[in-house]
C-alpha cells in the first residue's frame, strides 16, 4: 500500500513539474515570438512578421499587442481597412487606460481613410463590443466625428445625445456645443438657441466666449439683429483677444449699418482696418468710404450722434461726481 501511495505521489509530482515546464515553455515561446515579430517589423519584413503574429495568436492569452502589431503593419502598407479593423480589436482587448486613449487616436487616424459605409460599420461594431465606459465613449466620439466629416449632422447629434446620457456631466457643455454647432450647420437655428440660452446664463468662464459667438451666428442667421448685437458687444468689450475679433468687428459694423447707426458702423470698420492685412484694408477702406457717403447724404445726422456711444451701455450719470460746484 505504501508503495502504491509513493508511486502516486511521484506521478503527481511529475505531472505538476511537466505542466510547469510546459507553461514556462509557452511563456518563453511567446516572448521569443514577440521579439521576433518586433525584429521583422523593424526590418520592414512585414510578411514574416504577419506569419509569426498569426501563429502566436493561436496560443496567446494577451492578444492586444499582437492585434496592434497587425494594425501597425497594415497601416504601413496603407491598407486602411484592415488597419482600422485590427486597431479596433487591439483597443477592445486592451486594459490600460493610457494605452486605450493612444490607440483610439491611431484608430481614428486610420479610419478616416476608409470609405464612409465601411467606417460606420467598423466603428458601430466596436461600440457594440466595448465593455467599459472609456472604450464605449471613445468609439462613440469617433463615430460622431465620422458622421460630421460626411455632413451627417443629425446622425452625429444622435450620437452626442447618447454620450450625454452616459456622461457624468463633466463634458456636458462641450457635447452641447457640438450639438449646437451641428444644428447651425443644419440651419436649425431656433433649436440651437434653445440650447444656448441656459448655457449662456451659467456664464461659465471656460466656454462663454464660444457660446456667445454661436449665439451671434444663430441670431444673425435668423435676422434677429438686436439679439445678434448683444453677444457681439459683450465679446467686443470683455474679450479683446478673442480669436474671432475680425468677425466680431465686421458683424457689429454690419448690424449697426442695418440699424442705420452709420457712425457706429464706421467706428467698428476703423477698428477692423487697424488689425487687418493690406488686402483686407483695401476692401475695408472701400466700405468706410461708402458709409461716409451715406452719412453725408443722410438727413438724420443729429440722430447719428445720439447712437454714437463707444462705451456702449455705460450710464453717463454714473461717471459724474456727486457734488458739482
C-alpha atoms as a PDB file:
ATOM      1  CA  UNK A   1       0.000   0.000   0.000  1.00  0.00           C
ATOM      2  CA  UNK A   2       2.821   2.354   0.894  1.00  0.00           C
ATOM      3  CA  UNK A   3       4.486   1.560  -2.409  1.00  0.00           C
ATOM      4  CA  UNK A   4       1.338   2.426  -4.362  1.00  0.00           C
ATOM      5  CA  UNK A   5       0.957   5.695  -2.453  1.00  0.00           C
ATOM      6  CA  UNK A   6       4.567   6.581  -3.116  1.00  0.00           C
ATOM      7  CA  UNK A   7       4.141   5.845  -6.824  1.00  0.00           C
ATOM      8  CA  UNK A   8       1.043   8.092  -6.979  1.00  0.00           C
ATOM      9  CA  UNK A   9       2.913  10.920  -5.261  1.00  0.00           C
ATOM     10  CA  UNK A  10       5.804  10.573  -7.702  1.00  0.00           C
ATOM     11  CA  UNK A  11       3.422  10.553 -10.677  1.00  0.00           C
ATOM     12  CA  UNK A  12       1.605  13.643  -9.308  1.00  0.00           C
ATOM     13  CA  UNK A  13       4.893  15.475  -8.847  1.00  0.00           C
ATOM     14  CA  UNK A  14       5.991  14.531 -12.348  1.00  0.00           C
ATOM     15  CA  UNK A  15       2.715  15.796 -13.840  1.00  0.00           C
ATOM     16  CA  UNK A  16       2.990  19.095 -11.961  1.00  0.00           C
ATOM     17  CA  UNK A  17       6.609  19.555 -12.997  1.00  0.00           C
ATOM     18  CA  UNK A  18       5.753  18.733 -16.609  1.00  0.00           C
ATOM     19  CA  UNK A  19       2.823  21.181 -16.611  1.00  0.00           C
ATOM     20  CA  UNK A  20       5.001  23.875 -15.065  1.00  0.00           C
ATOM     21  CA  UNK A  21       7.711  23.179 -17.606  1.00  0.00           C
ATOM     22  CA  UNK A  22       5.193  23.361 -20.450  1.00  0.00           C
ATOM     23  CA  UNK A  23       3.786  26.604 -19.084  1.00  0.00           C
ATOM     24  CA  UNK A  24       7.238  28.155 -18.815  1.00  0.00           C
ATOM     25  CA  UNK A  25       7.999  26.891 -22.296  1.00  0.00           C
ATOM     26  CA  UNK A  26       4.853  28.548 -23.651  1.00  0.00           C
ATOM     27  CA  UNK A  27       5.732  31.794 -21.898  1.00  0.00           C
ATOM     28  CA  UNK A  28       9.252  31.668 -23.276  1.00  0.00           C
ATOM     29  CA  UNK A  29       7.956  30.842 -26.751  1.00  0.00           C
ATOM     30  CA  UNK A  30       5.540  33.802 -26.579  1.00  0.00           C
ATOM     31  CA  UNK A  31       8.302  36.196 -25.533  1.00  0.00           C
ATOM     32  CA  UNK A  32      10.555  34.811 -28.231  1.00  0.00           C
ATOM     33  CA  UNK A  33       7.866  35.174 -30.901  1.00  0.00           C
ATOM     34  CA  UNK A  34       7.051  38.752 -29.878  1.00  0.00           C
ATOM     35  CA  UNK A  35      10.713  39.708 -30.014  1.00  0.00           C
ATOM     36  CA  UNK A  36      10.949  38.028 -33.402  1.00  0.00           C
ATOM     37  CA  UNK A  37       7.849  39.917 -34.619  1.00  0.00           C
ATOM     38  CA  UNK A  38       9.374  43.213 -33.480  1.00  0.00           C
ATOM     39  CA  UNK A  39      12.609  42.284 -35.247  1.00  0.00           C
ATOM     40  CA  UNK A  40      10.810  41.632 -38.546  1.00  0.00           C
ATOM     41  CA  UNK A  41       8.810  44.859 -38.211  1.00  0.00           C
ATOM     42  CA  UNK A  42      11.991  46.865 -37.598  1.00  0.00           C
ATOM     43  CA  UNK A  43      13.494  45.253 -40.704  1.00  0.00           C
ATOM     44  CA  UNK A  44      10.293  46.062 -42.658  1.00  0.00           C
ATOM     45  CA  UNK A  45       9.835  42.348 -43.353  1.00  0.00           C
ATOM     46  CA  UNK A  46       6.095  42.609 -42.831  1.00  0.00           C
ATOM     47  CA  UNK A  47       5.069  39.273 -44.367  1.00  0.00           C
ATOM     48  CA  UNK A  48       7.342  37.347 -41.991  1.00  0.00           C
ATOM     49  CA  UNK A  49       6.054  39.402 -39.073  1.00  0.00           C
ATOM     50  CA  UNK A  50       2.428  38.667 -40.024  1.00  0.00           C
ATOM     51  CA  UNK A  51       3.184  34.950 -40.257  1.00  0.00           C
ATOM     52  CA  UNK A  52       4.548  34.865 -36.711  1.00  0.00           C
ATOM     53  CA  UNK A  53       1.725  37.059 -35.418  1.00  0.00           C
ATOM     54  CA  UNK A  54      -0.867  34.609 -36.740  1.00  0.00           C
ATOM     55  CA  UNK A  55       0.989  31.639 -35.261  1.00  0.00           C
ATOM     56  CA  UNK A  56       1.324  33.352 -31.882  1.00  0.00           C
ATOM     57  CA  UNK A  57      -2.328  34.479 -31.794  1.00  0.00           C
ATOM     58  CA  UNK A  58      -3.445  30.834 -31.660  1.00  0.00           C
ATOM     59  CA  UNK A  59      -1.791  30.285 -28.278  1.00  0.00           C
ATOM     60  CA  UNK A  60      -1.552  33.786 -26.780  1.00  0.00           C
ATOM     61  CA  UNK A  61      -3.816  34.928 -23.961  1.00  0.00           C
ATOM     62  CA  UNK A  62      -2.932  38.658 -24.169  1.00  0.00           C
ATOM     63  CA  UNK A  63      -3.853  39.395 -27.767  1.00  0.00           C
ATOM     64  CA  UNK A  64      -3.970  43.216 -27.739  1.00  0.00           C
ATOM     65  CA  UNK A  65      -0.283  43.706 -28.603  1.00  0.00           C
ATOM     66  CA  UNK A  66      -0.470  41.176 -31.427  1.00  0.00           C
ATOM     67  CA  UNK A  67      -3.532  42.851 -32.919  1.00  0.00           C
ATOM     68  CA  UNK A  68      -1.750  46.186 -32.540  1.00  0.00           C
ATOM     69  CA  UNK A  69       1.260  44.838 -34.461  1.00  0.00           C
ATOM     70  CA  UNK A  70      -1.059  43.705 -37.264  1.00  0.00           C
ATOM     71  CA  UNK A  71      -2.760  47.109 -37.315  1.00  0.00           C
ATOM     72  CA  UNK A  72       0.613  48.869 -37.467  1.00  0.00           C
ATOM     73  CA  UNK A  73       1.800  46.703 -40.360  1.00  0.00           C
ATOM     74  CA  UNK A  74      -1.379  47.278 -42.391  1.00  0.00           C
ATOM     75  CA  UNK A  75      -1.144  50.994 -41.679  1.00  0.00           C
ATOM     76  CA  UNK A  76       2.406  50.998 -43.060  1.00  0.00           C
ATOM     77  CA  UNK A  77       1.103  49.111 -46.100  1.00  0.00           C
ATOM     78  CA  UNK A  78      -1.672  51.759 -46.358  1.00  0.00           C
ATOM     79  CA  UNK A  79      -4.283  49.034 -46.169  1.00  0.00           C
ATOM     80  CA  UNK A  80      -6.525  51.306 -44.124  1.00  0.00           C
ATOM     81  CA  UNK A  81      -9.482  48.921 -43.931  1.00  0.00           C
ATOM     82  CA  UNK A  82      -7.515  46.125 -42.272  1.00  0.00           C
ATOM     83  CA  UNK A  83      -5.505  48.582 -40.198  1.00  0.00           C
ATOM     84  CA  UNK A  84      -8.738  50.017 -38.800  1.00  0.00           C
ATOM     85  CA  UNK A  85     -10.181  46.588 -38.068  1.00  0.00           C
ATOM     86  CA  UNK A  86      -7.112  45.477 -36.140  1.00  0.00           C
ATOM     87  CA  UNK A  87      -6.716  48.784 -34.279  1.00  0.00           C
ATOM     88  CA  UNK A  88     -10.311  48.318 -33.109  1.00  0.00           C
ATOM     89  CA  UNK A  89      -9.526  44.757 -31.943  1.00  0.00           C
ATOM     90  CA  UNK A  90      -6.374  45.950 -30.166  1.00  0.00           C
ATOM     91  CA  UNK A  91      -8.441  48.549 -28.280  1.00  0.00           C
ATOM     92  CA  UNK A  92     -11.163  46.048 -27.359  1.00  0.00           C
ATOM     93  CA  UNK A  93      -8.524  43.698 -25.885  1.00  0.00           C
ATOM     94  CA  UNK A  94      -6.535  46.481 -24.144  1.00  0.00           C
ATOM     95  CA  UNK A  95      -6.811  47.038 -20.393  1.00  0.00           C
ATOM     96  CA  UNK A  96      -4.547  50.028 -19.630  1.00  0.00           C
ATOM     97  CA  UNK A  97      -6.321  53.410 -19.803  1.00  0.00           C
ATOM     98  CA  UNK A  98      -3.402  55.351 -21.296  1.00  0.00           C
ATOM     99  CA  UNK A  99      -2.821  52.730 -23.991  1.00  0.00           C
ATOM    100  CA  UNK A 100      -6.540  52.742 -24.846  1.00  0.00           C
ATOM    101  CA  UNK A 101      -6.502  56.530 -25.358  1.00  0.00           C
ATOM    102  CA  UNK A 102      -3.364  56.358 -27.521  1.00  0.00           C
ATOM    103  CA  UNK A 103      -4.785  53.566 -29.655  1.00  0.00           C
ATOM    104  CA  UNK A 104      -8.098  55.385 -30.090  1.00  0.00           C
ATOM    105  CA  UNK A 105      -6.149  58.272 -31.646  1.00  0.00           C
ATOM    106  CA  UNK A 106      -4.337  55.900 -34.025  1.00  0.00           C
ATOM    107  CA  UNK A 107      -7.599  54.156 -34.857  1.00  0.00           C
ATOM    108  CA  UNK A 108      -9.243  57.444 -35.843  1.00  0.00           C
ATOM    109  CA  UNK A 109      -6.271  58.470 -37.979  1.00  0.00           C
ATOM    110  CA  UNK A 110      -6.599  55.197 -39.878  1.00  0.00           C
ATOM    111  CA  UNK A 111     -10.365  55.008 -40.255  1.00  0.00           C
ATOM    112  CA  UNK A 112     -10.737  58.435 -41.846  1.00  0.00           C
ATOM    113  CA  UNK A 113      -9.125  56.854 -44.945  1.00  0.00           C
ATOM    114  CA  UNK A 114     -11.800  54.148 -45.139  1.00  0.00           C
ATOM    115  CA  UNK A 115     -14.966  54.548 -47.218  1.00  0.00           C
ATOM    116  CA  UNK A 116     -17.875  56.032 -45.208  1.00  0.00           C
ATOM    117  CA  UNK A 117     -20.110  52.936 -45.124  1.00  0.00           C
ATOM    118  CA  UNK A 118     -17.271  50.616 -44.123  1.00  0.00           C
ATOM    119  CA  UNK A 119     -16.016  53.051 -41.488  1.00  0.00           C
ATOM    120  CA  UNK A 120     -19.508  53.382 -39.973  1.00  0.00           C
ATOM    121  CA  UNK A 121     -19.794  49.575 -39.808  1.00  0.00           C
ATOM    122  CA  UNK A 122     -16.384  49.104 -38.186  1.00  0.00           C
ATOM    123  CA  UNK A 123     -16.926  51.758 -35.521  1.00  0.00           C
ATOM    124  CA  UNK A 124     -20.516  50.667 -34.821  1.00  0.00           C
ATOM    125  CA  UNK A 125     -19.292  47.107 -34.268  1.00  0.00           C
ATOM    126  CA  UNK A 126     -16.566  48.413 -31.945  1.00  0.00           C
ATOM    127  CA  UNK A 127     -19.155  50.422 -29.985  1.00  0.00           C
ATOM    128  CA  UNK A 128     -21.240  47.258 -29.552  1.00  0.00           C
ATOM    129  CA  UNK A 129     -18.195  45.295 -28.401  1.00  0.00           C
ATOM    130  CA  UNK A 130     -16.826  47.868 -25.952  1.00  0.00           C
ATOM    131  CA  UNK A 131     -17.044  46.604 -22.392  1.00  0.00           C
ATOM    132  CA  UNK A 132     -16.216  49.752 -20.425  1.00  0.00           C
ATOM    133  CA  UNK A 133     -17.122  53.454 -20.482  1.00  0.00           C
ATOM    134  CA  UNK A 134     -13.727  54.672 -21.724  1.00  0.00           C
ATOM    135  CA  UNK A 135     -13.791  52.472 -24.816  1.00  0.00           C
ATOM    136  CA  UNK A 136     -17.519  52.943 -25.457  1.00  0.00           C
ATOM    137  CA  UNK A 137     -17.340  56.743 -25.226  1.00  0.00           C
ATOM    138  CA  UNK A 138     -14.132  56.834 -27.262  1.00  0.00           C
ATOM    139  CA  UNK A 139     -15.659  54.871 -30.126  1.00  0.00           C
ATOM    140  CA  UNK A 140     -18.884  56.925 -29.980  1.00  0.00           C
ATOM    141  CA  UNK A 141     -16.953  60.191 -30.280  1.00  0.00           C
ATOM    142  CA  UNK A 142     -15.110  58.838 -33.319  1.00  0.00           C
ATOM    143  CA  UNK A 143     -18.413  57.735 -34.871  1.00  0.00           C
ATOM    144  CA  UNK A 144     -19.888  61.214 -34.333  1.00  0.00           C
ATOM    145  CA  UNK A 145     -16.879  62.865 -35.968  1.00  0.00           C
ATOM    146  CA  UNK A 146     -17.114  60.484 -38.933  1.00  0.00           C
ATOM    147  CA  UNK A 147     -20.756  61.497 -39.384  1.00  0.00           C
ATOM    148  CA  UNK A 148     -19.753  65.175 -39.238  1.00  0.00           C
ATOM    149  CA  UNK A 149     -16.997  64.632 -41.818  1.00  0.00           C
ATOM    150  CA  UNK A 150     -19.681  63.271 -44.126  1.00  0.00           C
ATOM    151  CA  UNK A 151     -22.102  66.130 -43.322  1.00  0.00           C
ATOM    152  CA  UNK A 152     -24.485  63.794 -41.485  1.00  0.00           C
ATOM    153  CA  UNK A 153     -25.033  66.306 -38.702  1.00  0.00           C
ATOM    154  CA  UNK A 154     -28.318  64.849 -37.472  1.00  0.00           C
ATOM    155  CA  UNK A 155     -26.770  61.402 -37.032  1.00  0.00           C
ATOM    156  CA  UNK A 156     -23.783  62.978 -35.257  1.00  0.00           C
ATOM    157  CA  UNK A 157     -26.117  64.738 -32.840  1.00  0.00           C
ATOM    158  CA  UNK A 158     -27.911  61.465 -32.091  1.00  0.00           C
ATOM    159  CA  UNK A 159     -24.536  60.023 -31.058  1.00  0.00           C
ATOM    160  CA  UNK A 160     -23.673  63.072 -28.930  1.00  0.00           C
ATOM    161  CA  UNK A 161     -27.026  62.769 -27.153  1.00  0.00           C
ATOM    162  CA  UNK A 162     -26.229  59.125 -26.394  1.00  0.00           C
ATOM    163  CA  UNK A 163     -22.889  60.174 -24.905  1.00  0.00           C
ATOM    164  CA  UNK A 164     -24.675  62.849 -22.856  1.00  0.00           C
ATOM    165  CA  UNK A 165     -26.924  60.197 -21.319  1.00  0.00           C
ATOM    166  CA  UNK A 166     -23.900  58.108 -20.343  1.00  0.00           C
ATOM    167  CA  UNK A 167     -21.704  61.037 -19.295  1.00  0.00           C
ATOM    168  CA  UNK A 168     -21.124  62.036 -15.681  1.00  0.00           C
ATOM    169  CA  UNK A 169     -21.661  65.707 -16.547  1.00  0.00           C
ATOM    170  CA  UNK A 170     -18.027  66.790 -16.826  1.00  0.00           C
ATOM    171  CA  UNK A 171     -18.220  67.018 -20.629  1.00  0.00           C
ATOM    172  CA  UNK A 172     -21.833  68.161 -20.803  1.00  0.00           C
ATOM    173  CA  UNK A 173     -21.141  71.702 -22.034  1.00  0.00           C
ATOM    174  CA  UNK A 174     -18.649  70.570 -24.701  1.00  0.00           C
ATOM    175  CA  UNK A 175     -21.095  67.992 -26.014  1.00  0.00           C
ATOM    176  CA  UNK A 176     -23.930  70.505 -26.126  1.00  0.00           C
ATOM    177  CA  UNK A 177     -21.743  72.978 -28.017  1.00  0.00           C
ATOM    178  CA  UNK A 178     -21.103  70.281 -30.614  1.00  0.00           C
ATOM    179  CA  UNK A 179     -24.844  69.706 -30.905  1.00  0.00           C
ATOM    180  CA  UNK A 180     -25.426  73.469 -31.257  1.00  0.00           C
ATOM    181  CA  UNK A 181     -22.768  73.738 -33.967  1.00  0.00           C
ATOM    182  CA  UNK A 182     -24.349  70.878 -35.900  1.00  0.00           C
ATOM    183  CA  UNK A 183     -27.792  72.479 -35.511  1.00  0.00           C
ATOM    184  CA  UNK A 184     -26.365  75.627 -37.097  1.00  0.00           C
ATOM    185  CA  UNK A 185     -24.914  73.583 -39.977  1.00  0.00           C
ATOM    186  CA  UNK A 186     -28.396  72.111 -40.439  1.00  0.00           C
ATOM    187  CA  UNK A 187     -29.882  75.638 -40.340  1.00  0.00           C
ATOM    188  CA  UNK A 188     -31.899  74.653 -37.268  1.00  0.00           C
ATOM    189  CA  UNK A 189     -31.143  77.981 -35.621  1.00  0.00           C
ATOM    190  CA  UNK A 190     -34.042  78.039 -33.176  1.00  0.00           C
ATOM    191  CA  UNK A 191     -33.081  74.608 -31.829  1.00  0.00           C
ATOM    192  CA  UNK A 192     -29.559  75.936 -31.360  1.00  0.00           C
ATOM    193  CA  UNK A 193     -30.830  78.996 -29.483  1.00  0.00           C
ATOM    194  CA  UNK A 194     -32.978  76.860 -27.156  1.00  0.00           C
ATOM    195  CA  UNK A 195     -29.844  75.005 -26.024  1.00  0.00           C
ATOM    196  CA  UNK A 196     -27.705  78.142 -25.954  1.00  0.00           C
ATOM    197  CA  UNK A 197     -29.817  80.288 -23.635  1.00  0.00           C
ATOM    198  CA  UNK A 198     -29.435  78.212 -20.437  1.00  0.00           C
ATOM    199  CA  UNK A 199     -25.740  77.608 -21.145  1.00  0.00           C
ATOM    200  CA  UNK A 200     -25.015  81.335 -21.569  1.00  0.00           C
ATOM    201  CA  UNK A 201     -26.927  82.046 -18.359  1.00  0.00           C
ATOM    202  CA  UNK A 202     -24.414  79.857 -16.481  1.00  0.00           C
ATOM    203  CA  UNK A 203     -21.645  82.270 -17.593  1.00  0.00           C
ATOM    204  CA  UNK A 204     -19.012  79.528 -17.466  1.00  0.00           C
ATOM    205  CA  UNK A 205     -15.649  81.223 -17.999  1.00  0.00           C
ATOM    206  CA  UNK A 206     -14.271  78.202 -19.868  1.00  0.00           C
ATOM    207  CA  UNK A 207     -16.961  78.231 -22.548  1.00  0.00           C
ATOM    208  CA  UNK A 208     -18.638  81.654 -22.577  1.00  0.00           C
ATOM    209  CA  UNK A 209     -16.618  83.103 -25.491  1.00  0.00           C
ATOM    210  CA  UNK A 210     -17.544  80.282 -27.850  1.00  0.00           C
ATOM    211  CA  UNK A 211     -21.148  80.254 -26.624  1.00  0.00           C
ATOM    212  CA  UNK A 212     -21.536  83.986 -27.259  1.00  0.00           C
ATOM    213  CA  UNK A 213     -20.164  83.633 -30.782  1.00  0.00           C
ATOM    214  CA  UNK A 214     -22.521  80.736 -31.529  1.00  0.00           C
ATOM    215  CA  UNK A 215     -25.358  82.850 -30.143  1.00  0.00           C
ATOM    216  CA  UNK A 216     -24.445  85.616 -32.603  1.00  0.00           C
ATOM    217  CA  UNK A 217     -24.304  83.169 -35.545  1.00  0.00           C
ATOM    218  CA  UNK A 218     -27.723  81.674 -34.758  1.00  0.00           C
ATOM    219  CA  UNK A 219     -29.401  85.059 -34.240  1.00  0.00           C
ATOM    220  CA  UNK A 220     -27.906  86.780 -37.288  1.00  0.00           C
ATOM    221  CA  UNK A 221     -28.900  83.792 -39.429  1.00  0.00           C
ATOM    222  CA  UNK A 222     -32.488  84.392 -38.329  1.00  0.00           C
ATOM    223  CA  UNK A 223     -32.025  88.145 -38.960  1.00  0.00           C
ATOM    224  CA  UNK A 224     -32.604  88.874 -35.261  1.00  0.00           C
ATOM    225  CA  UNK A 225     -30.286  91.879 -35.428  1.00  0.00           C
ATOM    226  CA  UNK A 226     -30.771  93.232 -31.915  1.00  0.00           C
ATOM    227  CA  UNK A 227     -30.357  89.786 -30.368  1.00  0.00           C
ATOM    228  CA  UNK A 228     -27.264  89.203 -32.520  1.00  0.00           C
ATOM    229  CA  UNK A 229     -25.763  92.536 -31.409  1.00  0.00           C
ATOM    230  CA  UNK A 230     -25.879  91.747 -27.677  1.00  0.00           C
ATOM    231  CA  UNK A 231     -23.371  88.821 -27.677  1.00  0.00           C
ATOM    232  CA  UNK A 232     -21.088  90.708 -30.079  1.00  0.00           C
ATOM    233  CA  UNK A 233     -20.949  93.756 -27.810  1.00  0.00           C
ATOM    234  CA  UNK A 234     -20.000  91.573 -24.867  1.00  0.00           C
ATOM    235  CA  UNK A 235     -17.335  89.814 -26.923  1.00  0.00           C
ATOM    236  CA  UNK A 236     -16.053  93.201 -28.117  1.00  0.00           C
ATOM    237  CA  UNK A 237     -15.807  94.670 -24.609  1.00  0.00           C
ATOM    238  CA  UNK A 238     -14.883  91.678 -22.436  1.00  0.00           C
ATOM    239  CA  UNK A 239     -12.756  89.563 -24.781  1.00  0.00           C
ATOM    240  CA  UNK A 240     -10.497  91.828 -26.890  1.00  0.00           C
ATOM    241  CA  UNK A 241      -8.128  88.908 -27.607  1.00  0.00           C
ATOM    242  CA  UNK A 242     -10.849  86.621 -28.957  1.00  0.00           C
ATOM    243  CA  UNK A 243      -9.665  84.655 -31.994  1.00  0.00           C
ATOM    244  CA  UNK A 244     -12.762  85.816 -33.896  1.00  0.00           C
ATOM    245  CA  UNK A 245     -12.016  89.514 -33.316  1.00  0.00           C
ATOM    246  CA  UNK A 246     -12.228  90.389 -37.017  1.00  0.00           C
ATOM    247  CA  UNK A 247     -15.582  88.628 -37.392  1.00  0.00           C
ATOM    248  CA  UNK A 248     -16.855  90.389 -34.258  1.00  0.00           C
ATOM    249  CA  UNK A 249     -15.959  93.845 -35.592  1.00  0.00           C
ATOM    250  CA  UNK A 250     -17.307  93.068 -39.075  1.00  0.00           C
ATOM    251  CA  UNK A 251     -20.518  91.701 -37.571  1.00  0.00           C
ATOM    252  CA  UNK A 252     -21.051  94.795 -35.441  1.00  0.00           C
ATOM    253  CA  UNK A 253     -20.368  97.044 -38.438  1.00  0.00           C
ATOM    254  CA  UNK A 254     -22.989  95.195 -40.481  1.00  0.00           C
ATOM    255  CA  UNK A 255     -25.585  95.233 -37.706  1.00  0.00           C
ATOM    256  CA  UNK A 256     -25.112  98.950 -36.993  1.00  0.00           C
ATOM    257  CA  UNK A 257     -25.428  99.727 -40.683  1.00  0.00           C
ATOM    258  CA  UNK A 258     -28.617  97.660 -40.875  1.00  0.00           C
ATOM    259  CA  UNK A 259     -29.964  99.666 -37.936  1.00  0.00           C
ATOM    260  CA  UNK A 260     -28.894 102.897 -39.728  1.00  0.00           C
ATOM    261  CA  UNK A 261     -26.387 103.686 -36.993  1.00  0.00           C
ATOM    262  CA  UNK A 262     -23.766 104.677 -39.538  1.00  0.00           C
ATOM    263  CA  UNK A 263     -21.271 106.380 -37.218  1.00  0.00           C
ATOM    264  CA  UNK A 264     -21.130 103.263 -35.083  1.00  0.00           C
ATOM    265  CA  UNK A 265     -20.621 101.169 -38.226  1.00  0.00           C
ATOM    266  CA  UNK A 266     -17.767 103.497 -39.259  1.00  0.00           C
ATOM    267  CA  UNK A 267     -16.243 103.223 -35.777  1.00  0.00           C
ATOM    268  CA  UNK A 268     -16.185  99.396 -36.000  1.00  0.00           C
ATOM    269  CA  UNK A 269     -14.768  99.432 -39.521  1.00  0.00           C
ATOM    270  CA  UNK A 270     -11.959 101.726 -38.361  1.00  0.00           C
ATOM    271  CA  UNK A 271     -11.008  99.216 -35.656  1.00  0.00           C
ATOM    272  CA  UNK A 272     -11.212  96.388 -38.152  1.00  0.00           C
ATOM    273  CA  UNK A 273      -8.945  98.343 -40.539  1.00  0.00           C
ATOM    274  CA  UNK A 274      -6.230  98.592 -37.868  1.00  0.00           C
ATOM    275  CA  UNK A 275      -5.953  94.828 -37.288  1.00  0.00           C
ATOM    276  CA  UNK A 276      -6.341  93.714 -40.928  1.00  0.00           C
ATOM    277  CA  UNK A 277      -3.689  92.925 -43.520  1.00  0.00           C
ATOM    278  CA  UNK A 278      -3.028  95.017 -46.614  1.00  0.00           C
ATOM    279  CA  UNK A 279      -5.531  93.177 -48.807  1.00  0.00           C
ATOM    280  CA  UNK A 280      -8.212  93.390 -46.137  1.00  0.00           C
ATOM    281  CA  UNK A 281      -7.580  97.090 -45.550  1.00  0.00           C
ATOM    282  CA  UNK A 282      -8.214  97.870 -49.206  1.00  0.00           C
ATOM    283  CA  UNK A 283     -11.716  96.372 -49.032  1.00  0.00           C
ATOM    284  CA  UNK A 284     -12.453  97.888 -45.601  1.00  0.00           C
ATOM    285  CA  UNK A 285     -11.444 101.336 -46.822  1.00  0.00           C
ATOM    286  CA  UNK A 286     -13.979 100.999 -49.625  1.00  0.00           C
ATOM    287  CA  UNK A 287     -16.627 100.126 -47.035  1.00  0.00           C
ATOM    288  CA  UNK A 288     -15.665 103.134 -44.904  1.00  0.00           C
ATOM    289  CA  UNK A 289     -15.931 105.464 -47.908  1.00  0.00           C
ATOM    290  CA  UNK A 290     -19.341 104.014 -48.688  1.00  0.00           C
ATOM    291  CA  UNK A 291     -20.516 104.597 -45.104  1.00  0.00           C
ATOM    292  CA  UNK A 292     -19.149 108.182 -45.200  1.00  0.00           C
ATOM    293  CA  UNK A 293     -21.134 108.841 -48.352  1.00  0.00           C
ATOM    294  CA  UNK A 294     -24.315 107.539 -46.705  1.00  0.00           C
ATOM    295  CA  UNK A 295     -23.735 109.832 -43.700  1.00  0.00           C
ATOM    296  CA  UNK A 296     -23.131 112.854 -45.946  1.00  0.00           C
ATOM    297  CA  UNK A 297     -26.353 112.169 -47.824  1.00  0.00           C
ATOM    298  CA  UNK A 298     -28.370 111.439 -44.680  1.00  0.00           C
ATOM    299  CA  UNK A 299     -30.956 113.889 -43.382  1.00  0.00           C
ATOM    300  CA  UNK A 300     -30.743 112.462 -39.882  1.00  0.00           C
ATOM    301  CA  UNK A 301     -27.164 113.346 -38.963  1.00  0.00           C
ATOM    302  CA  UNK A 302     -28.137 114.524 -35.460  1.00  0.00           C
ATOM    303  CA  UNK A 303     -29.633 111.133 -34.722  1.00  0.00           C
ATOM    304  CA  UNK A 304     -26.308 109.533 -35.679  1.00  0.00           C
ATOM    305  CA  UNK A 305     -24.575 111.204 -32.730  1.00  0.00           C
ATOM    306  CA  UNK A 306     -27.342 110.012 -30.430  1.00  0.00           C
ATOM    307  CA  UNK A 307     -26.300 106.456 -31.264  1.00  0.00           C
ATOM    308  CA  UNK A 308     -22.553 107.072 -31.106  1.00  0.00           C
ATOM    309  CA  UNK A 309     -21.524 105.577 -27.751  1.00  0.00           C
ATOM    310  CA  UNK A 310     -18.151 103.852 -27.987  1.00  0.00           C
ATOM    311  CA  UNK A 311     -18.511 102.879 -24.326  1.00  0.00           C
ATOM    312  CA  UNK A 312     -21.939 101.456 -25.158  1.00  0.00           C
ATOM    313  CA  UNK A 313     -24.270 100.981 -22.190  1.00  0.00           C
ATOM    314  CA  UNK A 314     -22.369 102.978 -19.521  1.00  0.00           C
ATOM    315  CA  UNK A 315     -24.697 105.415 -17.761  1.00  0.00           C
ATOM    316  CA  UNK A 316     -23.245 108.924 -18.030  1.00  0.00           C
ATOM    317  CA  UNK A 317     -24.580 109.853 -14.567  1.00  0.00           C
ATOM    318  CA  UNK A 318     -22.576 107.034 -13.005  1.00  0.00           C
ATOM    319  CA  UNK A 319     -19.256 108.655 -14.005  1.00  0.00           C
ATOM    320  CA  UNK A 320     -20.121 112.175 -12.815  1.00  0.00           C
ATOM    321  CA  UNK A 321     -19.002 113.341  -9.325  1.00  0.00           C
ATOM    322  CA  UNK A 322     -21.732 113.521  -6.647  1.00  0.00           C
ATOM    323  CA  UNK A 323     -21.237 117.226  -5.970  1.00  0.00           C
ATOM    324  CA  UNK A 324     -20.637 119.753  -8.725  1.00  0.00           C
ATOM    325  CA  UNK A 325     -19.892 123.356  -7.748  1.00  0.00           C
END
